Amino acid sequence: MIFSFIIYVVLFLGGVLMMGIAHGVADGFQALTFCAGLLIFCLSLAWIMRQAGSATRRANNWDGGPGAN
């Protein structure tokens, strides 16, 4: 669980950092740097949402609702 969170934080902050420094790189690589940062940011969100036992897993409802076993 901690390992997944560390990966999430590294990807999230790395993506935000890349989008932030995109305006400072050479003229031909600004769009590429920004798009790479956006892709890394999206991958971080996908990484954290795929985790088992998270809120997106309906079989583990807290209230024993329709998806509960």
N, C-alpha and C. Protein backbone atom coordinates (compact mmCIF):
# COMPACT_ATOMS: atom_id res chain seq x y z
N MET A 1 0.82 -1.19 0.00
CA MET A 1 0.00 0.00 0.00
C MET A 1 0.86 1.25 0.00
N ILE A 2 1.88 1.28 0.83
CA ILE A 2 2.77 2.44 0.88
C ILE A 2 3.55 2.58 -0.42
N PHE A 3 3.99 1.44 -0.96
CA PHE A 3 4.74 1.45 -2.22
C PHE A 3 3.90 2.05 -3.34
N SER A 4 2.63 1.70 -3.42
CA SER A 4 1.74 2.25 -4.44
C SER A 4 1.55 3.75 -4.26
N PHE A 5 1.44 4.19 -3.01
CA PHE A 5 1.28 5.62 -2.76
C PHE A 5 2.54 6.39 -3.15
N ILE A 6 3.70 5.82 -2.90
CA ILE A 6 4.95 6.49 -3.28
C ILE A 6 5.04 6.61 -4.80
N ILE A 7 4.67 5.55 -5.50
CA ILE A 7 4.67 5.62 -6.97
C ILE A 7 3.69 6.70 -7.44
N TYR A 8 2.51 6.75 -6.83
CA TYR A 8 1.53 7.76 -7.19
C TYR A 8 2.07 9.17 -6.98
N VAL A 9 2.68 9.43 -5.84
CA VAL A 9 3.18 10.77 -5.54
C VAL A 9 4.30 11.16 -6.51
N VAL A 10 5.20 10.22 -6.81
CA VAL A 10 6.29 10.51 -7.73
C VAL A 10 5.74 10.84 -9.12
N LEU A 11 4.80 10.04 -9.61
CA LEU A 11 4.20 10.31 -10.92
C LEU A 11 3.43 11.62 -10.92
N PHE A 12 2.65 11.85 -9.87
CA PHE A 12 1.83 13.07 -9.79
C PHE A 12 2.70 14.32 -9.78
N LEU A 13 3.66 14.35 -8.88
CA LEU A 13 4.52 15.54 -8.79
C LEU A 13 5.42 15.68 -10.00
N GLY A 14 5.89 14.56 -10.56
CA GLY A 14 6.70 14.62 -11.77
C GLY A 14 5.93 15.18 -12.94
N GLY A 15 4.67 14.78 -13.09
CA GLY A 15 3.84 15.31 -14.16
C GLY A 15 3.57 16.79 -14.01
N VAL A 16 3.26 17.21 -12.79
CA VAL A 16 3.01 18.64 -12.54
C VAL A 16 4.29 19.44 -12.78
N LEU A 17 5.42 18.90 -12.35
CA LEU A 17 6.70 19.58 -12.57
C LEU A 17 7.01 19.71 -14.06
N MET A 18 6.78 18.66 -14.81
CA MET A 18 7.04 18.73 -16.26
C MET A 18 6.14 19.73 -16.95
N MET A 19 4.87 19.78 -16.55
CA MET A 19 3.99 20.78 -17.14
C MET A 19 4.42 22.19 -16.75
N GLY A 20 4.95 22.33 -15.55
CA GLY A 20 5.37 23.64 -15.08
C GLY A 20 6.63 24.15 -15.76
N ILE A 21 7.56 23.26 -16.09
CA ILE A 21 8.80 23.72 -16.71
C ILE A 21 8.73 23.72 -18.23
N ALA A 22 7.58 23.38 -18.79
CA ALA A 22 7.45 23.30 -20.24
C ALA A 22 7.72 24.65 -20.92
N HIS A 23 7.40 25.74 -20.26
CA HIS A 23 7.60 27.04 -20.89
C HIS A 23 9.08 27.45 -20.91
N GLY A 24 9.90 26.77 -20.15
CA GLY A 24 11.31 27.15 -20.07
C GLY A 24 12.25 26.32 -20.93
N VAL A 25 11.74 25.30 -21.60
CA VAL A 25 12.61 24.47 -22.44
C VAL A 25 12.73 25.08 -23.84
N ALA A 26 13.57 24.48 -24.67
CA ALA A 26 13.78 24.99 -26.03
C ALA A 26 12.45 25.04 -26.80
N ASP A 27 12.40 25.93 -27.77
CA ASP A 27 11.15 26.20 -28.49
C ASP A 27 10.54 24.97 -29.14
N GLY A 28 11.33 24.08 -29.65
CA GLY A 28 10.79 22.92 -30.33
C GLY A 28 10.25 21.84 -29.41
N PHE A 29 10.54 21.93 -28.13
CA PHE A 29 10.17 20.86 -27.19
C PHE A 29 9.15 21.29 -26.15
N GLN A 30 8.61 22.47 -26.26
CA GLN A 30 7.64 22.94 -25.26
C GLN A 30 6.37 22.10 -25.25
N ALA A 31 5.80 21.89 -26.41
CA ALA A 31 4.55 21.11 -26.50
C ALA A 31 4.80 19.67 -26.11
N LEU A 32 5.92 19.13 -26.54
CA LEU A 32 6.24 17.74 -26.21
C LEU A 32 6.42 17.55 -24.70
N THR A 33 7.10 18.49 -24.06
CA THR A 33 7.30 18.43 -22.61
C THR A 33 5.98 18.56 -21.87
N PHE A 34 5.13 19.47 -22.31
CA PHE A 34 3.84 19.66 -21.66
C PHE A 34 2.97 18.42 -21.82
N CYS A 35 2.92 17.86 -23.03
CA CYS A 35 2.10 16.67 -23.26
C CYS A 35 2.64 15.47 -22.48
N ALA A 36 3.95 15.35 -22.37
CA ALA A 36 4.52 14.26 -21.57
C ALA A 36 4.15 14.43 -20.10
N GLY A 37 4.19 15.66 -19.60
CA GLY A 37 3.79 15.92 -18.22
C GLY A 37 2.32 15.61 -17.98
N LEU A 38 1.49 15.96 -18.95
CA LEU A 38 0.07 15.67 -18.84
C LEU A 38 -0.19 14.16 -18.85
N LEU A 39 0.54 13.44 -19.68
CA LEU A 39 0.41 11.99 -19.73
C LEU A 39 0.85 11.34 -18.41
N ILE A 40 1.95 11.81 -17.85
CA ILE A 40 2.42 11.28 -16.57
C ILE A 40 1.41 11.59 -15.46
N PHE A 41 0.85 12.79 -15.49
CA PHE A 41 -0.18 13.17 -14.51
C PHE A 41 -1.39 12.23 -14.61
N CYS A 42 -1.84 11.96 -15.83
CA CYS A 42 -2.99 11.06 -16.02
C CYS A 42 -2.65 9.64 -15.59
N LEU A 43 -1.43 9.20 -15.85
CA LEU A 43 -1.01 7.87 -15.41
C LEU A 43 -1.01 7.76 -13.89
N SER A 44 -0.66 8.85 -13.21
CA SER A 44 -0.67 8.82 -11.75
C SER A 44 -2.09 8.63 -11.22
N LEU A 45 -3.05 9.30 -11.85
CA LEU A 45 -4.44 9.14 -11.41
C LEU A 45 -4.95 7.74 -11.73
N ALA A 46 -4.58 7.21 -12.88
CA ALA A 46 -4.99 5.85 -13.22
C ALA A 46 -4.35 4.84 -12.27
N TRP A 47 -3.11 5.09 -11.87
CA TRP A 47 -2.42 4.18 -10.94
C TRP A 47 -3.14 4.09 -9.61
N ILE A 48 -3.53 5.24 -9.07
CA ILE A 48 -4.14 5.25 -7.75
C ILE A 48 -5.58 4.73 -7.80
N MET A 49 -6.27 4.89 -8.92
CA MET A 49 -7.65 4.42 -9.01
C MET A 49 -7.75 2.93 -9.28
N ARG A 50 -6.70 2.29 -9.73
CA ARG A 50 -6.75 0.86 -10.01
C ARG A 50 -6.50 0.03 -8.76
N GLN A 51 -6.14 0.63 -7.65
CA GLN A 51 -5.77 -0.10 -6.46
C GLN A 51 -6.95 -0.88 -5.89
N ALA A 52 -6.71 -2.12 -5.54
CA ALA A 52 -7.76 -2.96 -4.96
C ALA A 52 -8.15 -2.43 -3.58
N GLY A 53 -9.42 -2.50 -3.30
CA GLY A 53 -9.92 -2.04 -2.01
C GLY A 53 -10.15 -0.55 -1.94
N SER A 54 -10.04 0.13 -3.05
CA SER A 54 -10.27 1.57 -3.04
C SER A 54 -11.76 1.85 -3.18
N ALA A 55 -12.12 3.10 -3.22
CA ALA A 55 -13.53 3.48 -3.30
C ALA A 55 -14.15 3.07 -4.63
N THR A 56 -13.33 2.80 -5.64
CA THR A 56 -13.89 2.41 -6.93
C THR A 56 -14.25 0.93 -7.00
N ARG A 57 -13.91 0.18 -5.98
CA ARG A 57 -14.23 -1.25 -5.95
C ARG A 57 -15.54 -1.44 -5.21
N ARG A 58 -16.59 -1.66 -5.95
CA ARG A 58 -17.93 -1.66 -5.38
C ARG A 58 -18.23 -2.88 -4.51
N ALA A 59 -17.47 -3.96 -4.65
CA ALA A 59 -17.74 -5.14 -3.84
C ALA A 59 -17.36 -4.91 -2.37
N ASN A 60 -16.59 -3.90 -2.08
CA ASN A 60 -16.16 -3.63 -0.71
C ASN A 60 -16.89 -2.42 -0.13
N ASN A 61 -18.17 -2.36 -0.33
CA ASN A 61 -18.95 -1.25 0.24
C ASN A 61 -18.90 -1.28 1.75
N TRP A 62 -18.87 -0.13 2.35
CA TRP A 62 -18.84 -0.05 3.82
C TRP A 62 -20.19 -0.42 4.43
N ASP A 63 -21.25 -0.11 3.71
CA ASP A 63 -22.58 -0.30 4.28
C ASP A 63 -23.21 -1.64 3.90
N GLY A 64 -22.48 -2.48 3.17
CA GLY A 64 -23.05 -3.78 2.77
C GLY A 64 -24.12 -3.63 1.72
N GLY A 65 -23.98 -2.64 0.86
CA GLY A 65 -24.97 -2.35 -0.17
C GLY A 65 -25.07 -3.44 -1.23
N PRO A 66 -25.64 -3.11 -2.39
CA PRO A 66 -25.91 -4.11 -3.43
C PRO A 66 -24.67 -4.84 -3.94
N GLY A 67 -23.51 -4.21 -3.91
CA GLY A 67 -22.33 -4.86 -4.42
C GLY A 67 -21.59 -5.71 -3.39
N ALA A 68 -22.05 -5.69 -2.16
CA ALA A 68 -21.37 -6.43 -1.09
C ALA A 68 -21.61 -7.93 -1.23
N ASN A 69 -20.69 -8.69 -0.71
CA ASN A 69 -20.83 -10.16 -0.75
C ASN A 69 -21.76 -10.66 0.33
